[in-house]
Protein backbone atom coordinates (compact mmCIF):
# COMPACT_ATOMS: atom_id res chain seq x y z
CA MET A 1 -50.17 21.32 -4.56
CA ALA A 2 -47.15 18.89 -4.83
CA LYS A 3 -45.74 17.79 -1.92
CA LYS A 4 -42.06 19.23 -1.72
CA GLU A 5 -39.50 16.59 -1.48
CA VAL A 6 -37.18 16.69 1.92
CA ILE A 7 -33.05 16.49 0.70
CA HIS A 8 -29.99 17.49 2.50
CA VAL A 9 -27.07 17.85 0.63
CA LEU A 10 -23.83 16.98 3.39
CA SER A 11 -21.26 20.18 3.24
CA ASP A 12 -18.99 19.44 5.61
CA PRO A 13 -15.51 19.20 3.66
CA VAL A 14 -13.85 17.17 6.04
CA GLN A 15 -16.67 14.47 6.21
CA LEU A 16 -16.67 14.47 2.46
CA GLU A 17 -13.05 14.20 1.99
CA ALA A 18 -12.90 11.36 4.60
CA LEU A 19 -15.69 9.80 2.37
CA ALA A 20 -14.41 9.88 -0.73
CA LYS A 21 -11.02 8.45 0.99
CA ARG A 22 -13.06 5.38 2.38
CA LEU A 23 -15.04 4.92 -0.50
CA LYS A 24 -11.47 5.21 -3.08
CA ARG A 25 -10.21 1.91 -0.45
CA ALA A 26 -13.44 -0.03 -1.09
CA HIS A 27 -13.23 0.67 -4.98
CA GLY A 28 -9.26 -0.83 -4.57
CA GLN A 29 -10.11 -3.75 -2.43
CA LEU A 30 -13.28 -4.73 -5.15
CA GLY A 31 -10.45 -4.35 -8.16
CA ALA A 32 -8.62 -6.68 -5.58
CA VAL A 33 -11.38 -8.87 -5.59
CA VAL A 34 -11.81 -9.26 -9.60
CA ARG A 35 -7.99 -9.61 -9.96
CA MET A 36 -8.09 -12.44 -7.48
CA LEU A 37 -11.21 -14.51 -9.41
CA GLU A 38 -9.46 -14.08 -12.36
CA GLU A 39 -6.25 -15.35 -10.53
CA GLY A 40 -7.46 -18.47 -8.96
CA ARG A 41 -7.41 -17.95 -5.36
CA THR A 42 -9.33 -19.66 -2.66
CA CYS A 43 -12.91 -19.22 -2.38
CA GLU A 44 -11.63 -18.03 1.60
CA GLU A 45 -9.32 -15.45 0.30
CA ILE A 46 -11.98 -13.86 -2.27
CA VAL A 47 -15.06 -14.30 0.50
CA THR A 48 -12.43 -12.26 3.25
CA GLN A 49 -11.56 -9.45 0.77
CA MET A 50 -15.10 -9.03 -0.45
CA ALA A 51 -16.41 -8.82 3.39
CA ALA A 52 -14.00 -6.09 3.96
CA VAL A 53 -15.07 -4.26 0.72
CA GLY A 54 -18.91 -4.60 1.94
CA LYS A 55 -18.02 -3.26 5.62
CA ALA A 56 -16.39 -0.40 4.24
CA VAL A 57 -19.15 0.47 2.30
CA ASN A 58 -21.32 -0.07 4.56
CA THR A 59 -19.20 1.91 7.07
CA ALA A 60 -19.37 5.05 4.60
CA ALA A 61 -22.66 4.85 4.44
CA PHE A 62 -23.70 5.14 8.27
CA THR A 63 -21.00 7.51 8.47
CA LEU A 64 -22.50 9.95 5.58
CA ILE A 65 -25.90 9.66 7.17
CA ALA A 66 -24.69 10.29 10.65
CA ALA A 67 -23.11 13.68 9.14
CA ASN A 68 -26.29 14.38 8.07
CA LEU A 69 -27.90 14.02 10.60
CA GLN A 70 -25.24 16.06 12.66
CA GLU A 71 -25.93 19.36 9.99
CA CYS A 72 -29.45 18.78 10.57
CA ILE A 73 -29.27 19.33 14.40
CA GLU A 74 -27.06 22.31 14.20
CA ASP A 75 -28.81 23.96 11.39
CA ALA A 76 -32.02 23.67 12.66
CA ASP A 77 -35.03 25.16 9.95
CA GLU A 78 -38.64 24.01 9.27
CA ASN A 79 -37.35 20.87 7.61
CA THR A 80 -35.35 19.59 10.24
CA ALA A 81 -38.15 17.00 11.24
CA ALA A 82 -38.72 15.77 8.08
CA VAL A 83 -35.01 15.49 6.67
CA THR A 84 -34.36 13.65 10.06
CA GLN A 85 -36.96 10.93 9.62
CA LYS A 86 -35.92 10.95 5.88
CA LEU A 87 -32.31 9.77 6.72
CA GLN A 88 -33.19 7.68 9.84
CA LYS A 89 -35.23 5.82 7.31
CA LEU A 90 -31.81 5.25 5.28
CA PHE A 91 -30.42 4.52 8.38
CA LEU A 92 -32.67 1.60 8.63
CA SER A 93 -32.66 0.08 5.02
CA LEU A 94 -28.93 -0.43 5.55
CA ALA A 95 -29.50 -2.36 8.97
């Protein structure tokens, strides 16, 4: 018998909206990096902007994982331990 994959989809609309907003901001920052390269801006300016993009994306990923863990804790079911373990693995993949 095949092992059922454990998944959880974030359902909190407030968290989803906040994550979307953060990622849209990061998307805009990444576009700014491309423009800066095309404009011949300094390495320091470009790297500073790239660091901001990286931080925004990582923060969104950590927030997504944390929100999913919170939902798993609040909505305990038979897969809670498996979902939590999978989310912890995702968290560590970002470290």
